N, C-alpha and C. Protein backbone atom coordinates (compact mmCIF):
# COMPACT_ATOMS: atom_id res chain seq x y z
N GLU A 1 -23.79 0.63 -3.54
CA GLU A 1 -23.13 1.00 -3.43
C GLU A 1 -22.26 1.01 -3.16
N VAL A 2 -22.62 0.98 -1.59
CA VAL A 2 -21.92 1.13 -0.66
C VAL A 2 -20.53 0.03 -0.83
N SER A 3 -20.89 -1.17 -1.20
CA SER A 3 -19.44 -1.89 -0.94
C SER A 3 -19.29 -1.70 -2.33
N PHE A 4 -19.74 -0.91 -2.75
CA PHE A 4 -18.04 -0.81 -4.57
C PHE A 4 -17.79 0.29 -3.95
N GLY A 5 -17.77 1.34 -3.45
CA GLY A 5 -17.05 1.99 -2.46
C GLY A 5 -16.00 1.52 -1.73
N ILE A 6 -16.49 0.63 -0.62
CA ILE A 6 -15.25 0.27 0.22
C ILE A 6 -14.15 -0.92 -1.33
N GLU A 7 -14.67 -1.08 -1.87
CA GLU A 7 -14.30 -1.86 -2.74
C GLU A 7 -13.09 -1.65 -2.70
N GLU A 8 -13.31 -0.31 -4.19
CA GLU A 8 -12.36 0.72 -4.42
C GLU A 8 -11.49 1.61 -4.49
N ASN A 9 -12.13 1.23 -2.43
CA ASN A 9 -10.71 1.99 -1.49
C ASN A 9 -9.86 0.54 -1.29
N LEU A 10 -10.52 -0.39 -1.43
CA LEU A 10 -9.78 -1.76 -0.97
C LEU A 10 -8.34 -1.10 -1.84
N ILE A 11 -8.97 -1.93 -3.57
CA ILE A 11 -7.77 -1.93 -4.26
C ILE A 11 -7.34 -1.45 -4.54
N ALA A 12 -7.60 0.21 -3.81
CA ALA A 12 -6.56 1.60 -4.33
C ALA A 12 -5.82 1.61 -3.08
N LEU A 13 -5.57 0.68 -2.25
CA LEU A 13 -4.87 0.20 -0.09
C LEU A 13 -3.71 -1.19 -1.63
N ILE A 14 -4.56 -1.70 -2.34
CA ILE A 14 -3.83 -3.34 -2.41
C ILE A 14 -2.99 -2.79 -3.58
N GLU A 15 -3.26 -2.08 -5.09
CA GLU A 15 -1.86 -2.15 -5.97
C GLU A 15 -0.68 -1.77 -5.26
N PRO A 16 -0.45 -0.55 -4.54
CA PRO A 16 1.11 0.78 -4.23
C PRO A 16 1.28 -0.53 -3.14
N MET A 17 1.32 -2.60 -2.51
CA MET A 17 1.42 -2.88 -2.50
C MET A 17 1.81 -3.88 -2.89
N LYS A 18 1.37 -4.34 -4.89
CA LYS A 18 1.58 -5.29 -5.15
C LYS A 18 3.11 -4.57 -5.41
N LEU A 19 3.92 -3.66 -5.80
CA LEU A 19 4.35 -3.05 -6.70
C LEU A 19 5.06 -2.41 -4.97
N PHE A 20 5.45 -2.50 -3.87
CA PHE A 20 5.67 -2.46 -2.63
C PHE A 20 7.07 -3.43 -2.89
N PRO A 21 7.37 -4.99 -2.96
CA PRO A 21 8.98 -4.81 -2.67
C PRO A 21 9.56 -4.45 -4.06
N GLN A 22 9.67 -3.70 -5.24
CA GLN A 22 9.83 -3.28 -5.69
C GLN A 22 10.43 -2.28 -5.20
N HIS A 23 9.92 -1.89 -4.95
CA HIS A 23 10.83 -0.40 -4.21
C HIS A 23 10.82 -0.12 -2.62
N CYS A 24 11.07 -1.82 -2.69
CA CYS A 24 11.55 -1.65 -0.60
C CYS A 24 12.50 -0.33 -0.13
N LYS A 25 13.64 -0.96 -1.44
CA LYS A 25 14.89 0.48 -0.67
C LYS A 25 14.53 1.84 -0.81
N ASN A 26 13.76 2.45 -1.62
CA ASN A 26 13.55 3.67 -1.61
C ASN A 26 12.36 4.25 -0.83
N ARG A 27 11.15 3.32 -0.36
CA ARG A 27 10.97 3.51 0.54
C ARG A 27 10.88 3.46 2.41
N LYS A 28 12.49 2.50 2.08
CA LYS A 28 13.18 2.67 3.73
C LYS A 28 13.46 3.63 3.15
N LEU A 29 14.63 5.08 2.50
CA LEU A 29 14.93 5.93 2.35
C LEU A 29 14.55 7.18 2.75
N ASN A 30 12.93 6.78 1.22
CA ASN A 30 12.61 8.25 1.19
C ASN A 30 10.83 8.04 2.21
N GLY A 31 10.73 7.37 2.33
CA GLY A 31 9.11 7.01 2.82
C GLY A 31 8.50 6.88 4.03
N ASN A 32 9.92 6.85 5.30
CA ASN A 32 9.70 5.83 6.30
C ASN A 32 7.51 5.68 7.12
N LEU A 33 7.29 6.97 6.76
CA LEU A 33 6.03 7.21 7.45
C LEU A 33 5.01 5.76 6.48
N MET A 34 5.54 5.55 5.43
CA MET A 34 4.71 4.74 4.43
C MET A 34 4.53 3.65 5.17
N LEU A 35 5.75 3.32 5.39
CA LEU A 35 6.26 1.75 6.10
C LEU A 35 5.31 1.08 7.38
N PRO A 36 4.13 1.85 8.65
CA PRO A 36 3.79 0.71 8.85
C PRO A 36 2.92 -0.07 8.12
N ALA A 37 2.03 1.29 7.50
CA ALA A 37 1.00 0.83 6.64
C ALA A 37 1.14 -0.08 5.64
N LEU A 38 2.64 -0.29 5.14
CA LEU A 38 2.22 -1.75 3.70
C LEU A 38 3.33 -3.13 4.63
N ASP A 39 3.12 -2.73 5.77
CA ASP A 39 4.11 -4.13 6.48
C ASP A 39 3.49 -4.55 6.30
N LEU A 40 1.95 -4.46 7.28
CA LEU A 40 0.80 -4.56 7.25
C LEU A 40 0.82 -5.57 5.84
N GLY A 41 0.75 -5.78 4.96
CA GLY A 41 0.32 -6.18 3.74
C GLY A 41 1.48 -6.86 3.32
N GLN A 42 2.13 -7.48 3.89
CA GLN A 42 3.39 -8.10 3.58
C GLN A 42 3.18 -9.46 4.02
């Protein structure tokens, strides 16, 4: 059960990263606080 919760959390983190390239410019303009975490996924 613990590993399932961890897996769920990883999916929640990875899914937004898949969308990052599309929204790169918007993130840089509006979400600079998000960039450090997202850069790790590139």
